[in-house]
Amino acid sequence: MPENRSSAAPAVLRLPQYTKADQEEILGNGDDPFGVASTGLTWLPKEEHFGIRHEGRLVAHTGLLRLPVSIGGTKTEVVGVGGVAVAPGMQGQGLARLVVTAALEHARTMGPQHALLFCRPPLVPLYQRLGWHPLDKDVIVEQPAGRLVTMPLPTMVTPLRNGARWPSGPVRLFSLPM
């Protein structure tokens, strides 16, 4: 008798926390799970977490954090998106789309007009398919001891409100990147 499989999309859960052990459950315990150690940057932990479990195991995650920025000299806030992870054996099944979409639905309730993320160059097309747009300007971010650096990774944004337009001008994140 054939196995009865549900075609329903996996449920995205709001996670009460996201620990190093959770990250290792998804990505393993390598030295550079996100492939960004070469940047030498220090990153902020996220405050809101969304995940997908498959057969009891956490297999996908996205985190959110409100951050202060200046765009074209005007101070505002963005929702930083980061820690997007899908277990290697589960990639290509739309889990990134599901977990990022659920996180953005929540981000729409957080107040800022835009979400912002930093990603490795090979991931730009994935995020573009999810509705994100690359910035063509450098983004300045803070690092420990008050150091300011130009973000070496592509920066992408997406509106959180209908009609929201990303302002023109230089971008500075008044925090560590997320």
Protein backbone atom coordinates (compact mmCIF):
# COMPACT_ATOMS: atom_id res chain seq x y z
CA MET A 1 0.00 0.00 0.00
CA PRO A 2 1.48 3.42 -0.92
CA GLU A 3 2.50 5.72 1.89
CA ASN A 4 0.07 8.60 2.42
CA ARG A 5 2.04 11.84 2.21
CA SER A 6 0.60 15.24 2.83
CA SER A 7 1.30 17.84 0.16
CA ALA A 8 0.75 20.67 2.64
CA ALA A 9 3.64 23.08 3.08
CA PRO A 10 5.62 22.67 6.30
CA ALA A 11 4.44 24.91 9.12
CA VAL A 12 6.62 27.87 10.08
CA LEU A 13 6.88 28.23 13.85
CA ARG A 14 7.70 31.24 15.96
CA LEU A 15 10.67 30.11 18.05
CA PRO A 16 10.99 31.39 21.64
CA GLN A 17 14.79 31.44 21.22
CA TYR A 18 17.51 30.38 18.80
CA THR A 19 20.65 28.98 20.33
CA LYS A 20 24.02 27.86 19.01
CA ALA A 21 22.71 24.29 19.40
CA ASP A 22 19.70 25.17 17.20
CA GLN A 23 22.01 26.59 14.54
CA GLU A 24 24.15 23.44 14.69
CA GLU A 25 21.00 21.32 14.34
CA ILE A 26 20.40 23.02 10.97
CA LEU A 27 23.91 23.65 9.65
CA GLY A 28 26.20 21.33 11.57
CA ASN A 29 29.06 22.58 13.71
CA GLY A 30 31.50 23.92 11.10
CA ASP A 31 33.71 26.92 11.79
CA ASP A 32 31.96 29.13 9.21
CA PRO A 33 28.36 27.93 8.78
CA PHE A 34 27.23 31.05 6.87
CA GLY A 35 30.36 31.42 4.74
CA VAL A 36 31.07 34.96 5.96
CA ALA A 37 33.98 34.51 8.38
CA SER A 38 36.37 35.93 5.78
CA THR A 39 34.68 39.33 6.22
CA GLY A 40 36.09 39.56 9.74
CA LEU A 41 32.84 41.16 10.92
CA THR A 42 31.14 40.87 14.30
CA TRP A 43 27.39 40.21 13.95
CA LEU A 44 24.41 40.92 16.21
CA PRO A 45 22.14 38.13 17.41
CA LYS A 46 18.56 38.39 16.23
CA GLU A 47 15.65 38.97 18.62
CA GLU A 48 12.71 37.34 16.78
CA HIS A 49 13.07 33.82 15.38
CA PHE A 50 11.12 31.70 12.92
CA GLY A 51 11.81 28.07 12.05
CA ILE A 52 10.62 24.94 10.34
CA ARG A 53 10.83 21.47 11.87
CA HIS A 54 10.88 18.30 9.82
CA GLU A 55 10.47 14.98 11.62
CA GLY A 56 11.23 16.73 14.93
CA ARG A 57 14.45 18.36 13.70
CA LEU A 58 14.89 22.10 13.14
CA VAL A 59 15.72 22.42 9.42
CA ALA A 60 15.24 26.13 8.64
CA HIS A 61 15.53 29.48 10.44
CA THR A 62 15.23 33.22 9.87
CA GLY A 63 15.83 35.91 12.49
CA LEU A 64 14.72 39.54 12.77
CA LEU A 65 15.96 42.61 14.63
CA ARG A 66 14.94 46.30 14.54
CA LEU A 67 17.94 48.48 13.75
CA PRO A 68 18.65 52.22 13.58
CA VAL A 69 19.93 53.50 10.23
CA SER A 70 20.53 56.70 8.38
CA ILE A 71 19.51 56.83 4.71
CA GLY A 72 20.47 59.96 2.84
CA GLY A 73 21.09 61.68 6.18
CA THR A 74 17.63 60.88 7.58
CA LYS A 75 17.54 58.66 10.66
CA THR A 76 15.00 55.87 10.64
CA GLU A 77 14.76 52.15 11.41
CA VAL A 78 14.79 48.97 9.36
CA VAL A 79 14.03 45.39 10.24
CA GLY A 80 17.25 43.48 9.82
CA VAL A 81 16.86 39.95 8.50
CA GLY A 82 19.62 37.46 9.18
CA GLY A 83 20.57 33.98 10.22
CA VAL A 84 18.68 32.56 7.25
CA ALA A 85 19.58 28.89 7.21
CA VAL A 86 18.28 25.71 5.61
CA ALA A 87 19.75 22.31 6.41
CA PRO A 88 21.94 21.10 3.53
CA GLY A 89 19.82 18.00 2.91
CA MET A 90 16.63 20.09 2.77
CA GLN A 91 17.74 22.83 0.36
CA GLY A 92 15.88 23.33 -2.90
CA GLN A 93 12.47 22.55 -1.37
CA GLY A 94 11.27 26.12 -0.86
CA LEU A 95 11.97 26.21 2.89
CA ALA A 96 13.95 29.47 2.66
CA ARG A 97 10.97 31.09 0.91
CA LEU A 98 8.58 29.82 3.58
CA VAL A 99 10.62 30.88 6.61
CA VAL A 100 11.64 34.28 5.15
CA THR A 101 8.05 35.00 4.05
CA ALA A 102 6.72 34.20 7.53
CA ALA A 103 9.40 36.38 9.14
CA LEU A 104 8.54 39.27 6.80
CA GLU A 105 4.84 38.94 7.69
CA HIS A 106 5.85 39.51 11.30
CA ALA A 107 8.27 42.29 10.30
CA ARG A 108 5.31 44.18 8.82
CA THR A 109 3.95 44.49 12.37
CA MET A 110 7.20 45.92 13.78
CA GLY A 111 6.88 49.47 12.41
CA PRO A 112 9.74 50.09 9.94
CA GLN A 113 9.00 50.61 6.25
CA HIS A 114 11.76 48.30 4.95
CA ALA A 115 13.65 45.13 5.73
CA LEU A 116 17.37 44.88 5.04
CA LEU A 117 19.74 41.93 4.79
CA PHE A 118 23.33 41.17 3.88
CA CYS A 119 24.11 38.05 1.87
CA ARG A 120 26.85 36.23 0.05
CA PRO A 121 26.93 37.06 -3.70
CA PRO A 122 25.70 33.60 -4.82
CA LEU A 123 22.49 34.14 -2.78
CA VAL A 124 21.51 37.43 -4.46
CA PRO A 125 19.39 35.65 -7.16
CA LEU A 126 17.53 33.66 -4.48
CA TYR A 127 16.61 36.82 -2.59
CA GLN A 128 15.67 38.59 -5.82
CA ARG A 129 13.20 35.76 -6.51
CA LEU A 130 11.78 36.44 -3.03
CA GLY A 131 11.21 40.12 -3.89
CA TRP A 132 14.39 41.69 -2.50
CA HIS A 133 16.36 44.37 -4.38
CA PRO A 134 20.13 44.91 -4.21
CA LEU A 135 21.33 48.33 -3.11
CA ASP A 136 23.80 49.93 -5.46
CA LYS A 137 25.37 51.98 -2.66
CA ASP A 138 27.90 51.07 -0.02
CA VAL A 139 26.53 50.52 3.46
CA ILE A 140 28.57 51.58 6.48
CA VAL A 141 28.21 49.36 9.56
CA GLU A 142 29.64 49.57 13.05
CA GLN A 143 32.11 47.14 14.52
CA PRO A 144 33.50 46.79 18.04
CA ALA A 145 35.41 49.74 19.53
CA GLY A 146 33.40 52.19 17.42
CA ARG A 147 35.09 51.19 14.17
CA LEU A 148 33.11 51.97 11.00
CA VAL A 149 33.51 49.67 8.01
CA THR A 150 32.00 49.34 4.57
CA MET A 151 29.90 46.19 4.39
CA PRO A 152 31.75 43.85 2.00
CA LEU A 153 28.66 41.73 1.26
CA PRO A 154 25.76 42.68 -1.02
CA THR A 155 23.01 44.58 0.79
CA MET A 156 19.41 43.92 -0.19
CA VAL A 157 16.14 45.59 0.80
CA THR A 158 12.45 44.86 0.48
CA PRO A 159 9.49 47.09 1.36
CA LEU A 160 7.31 46.15 4.30
CA ARG A 161 4.49 48.52 3.34
CA ASN A 162 2.66 49.07 0.07
CA GLY A 163 4.13 52.07 -1.70
CA ALA A 164 7.25 52.22 0.50
CA ARG A 165 10.21 53.48 -1.53
CA TRP A 166 13.83 53.13 -0.42
CA PRO A 167 15.25 56.68 -0.12
CA SER A 168 18.30 57.72 -2.09
CA GLY A 169 21.60 58.57 -0.49
CA PRO A 170 24.28 57.00 1.66
CA VAL A 171 23.31 54.27 4.12
CA ARG A 172 24.76 53.87 7.59
CA LEU A 173 23.73 51.22 10.06
CA PHE A 174 24.10 52.54 13.65
CA SER A 175 24.92 49.08 14.98
CA LEU A 176 26.74 45.90 14.23
CA PRO A 177 25.27 44.10 11.20
CA MET A 178 22.70 41.41 11.86
